[in-house]
Amino acid sequence: MNWGSPAEFFAMGGYAFYVWGSFGVCMIAVVIETILLFRRRTNLLLQLKSESSGNP
């Protein structure tokens, strides 16, 4: 595709809502998954640390 101006690019031929909405939803999903991954890792490390410190 060839766009004559930045406004035409961002309009995406009339499908801007769907195109940019898809990018937005995907980005939100990636950010949420990253946050949840770090939380799971932190909880797992704390759990492993508490289990290992409980053993003499």
Protein backbone atom coordinates (compact mmCIF):
# COMPACT_ATOMS: atom_id res chain seq x y z
CA MET A 1 0.00 0.00 0.00
CA ASN A 2 1.10 3.53 -0.68
CA TRP A 3 -0.04 6.46 1.44
CA GLY A 4 0.26 10.06 0.35
CA SER A 5 0.45 11.53 3.85
CA PRO A 6 0.80 10.51 7.49
CA ALA A 7 -2.94 11.19 7.96
CA GLU A 8 -3.76 8.63 5.27
CA PHE A 9 -1.43 6.13 6.93
CA PHE A 10 -3.07 6.52 10.32
CA ALA A 11 -6.54 6.35 8.73
CA MET A 12 -5.59 2.95 7.23
CA GLY A 13 -8.00 3.27 4.35
CA GLY A 14 -11.00 3.62 6.66
CA TYR A 15 -10.05 0.64 8.85
CA ALA A 16 -8.07 2.60 11.43
CA PHE A 17 -10.37 1.69 14.32
CA TYR A 18 -9.90 -2.03 13.69
CA VAL A 19 -6.19 -1.88 12.88
CA TRP A 20 -5.10 0.37 15.74
CA GLY A 21 -7.59 -1.24 18.09
CA SER A 22 -6.02 -4.61 17.37
CA PHE A 23 -2.55 -3.24 18.04
CA GLY A 24 -3.78 -1.68 21.27
CA VAL A 25 -5.42 -4.85 22.55
CA CYS A 26 -2.34 -6.88 21.66
CA MET A 27 -0.06 -4.43 23.46
CA ILE A 28 -2.28 -4.45 26.56
CA ALA A 29 -2.23 -8.26 26.56
CA VAL A 30 1.58 -8.32 26.32
CA VAL A 31 1.96 -5.82 29.17
CA ILE A 32 -0.51 -7.70 31.41
CA GLU A 33 1.17 -11.03 30.67
CA THR A 34 4.58 -9.56 31.51
CA ILE A 35 3.31 -8.18 34.83
CA LEU A 36 1.68 -11.51 35.72
CA LEU A 37 4.86 -13.37 34.79
CA PHE A 38 6.96 -11.23 37.13
CA ARG A 39 4.40 -11.70 39.93
CA ARG A 40 4.38 -15.49 39.47
CA ARG A 41 8.19 -15.56 39.47
CA THR A 42 8.40 -13.45 42.63
CA ASN A 43 5.83 -15.61 44.42
CA LEU A 44 7.62 -18.80 43.36
CA LEU A 45 10.99 -17.51 44.53
CA LEU A 46 9.51 -16.48 47.89
CA GLN A 47 7.86 -19.87 48.26
CA LEU A 48 11.09 -21.71 47.45
CA LYS A 49 13.04 -19.50 49.83
CA SER A 50 10.59 -20.13 52.69
CA GLU A 51 10.66 -23.89 52.06
CA SER A 52 14.44 -24.03 52.00
CA SER A 53 14.82 -21.92 55.14
CA GLY A 54 12.38 -24.20 57.01
CA ASN A 55 14.67 -27.19 56.52
CA PRO A 56 17.59 -27.38 59.00
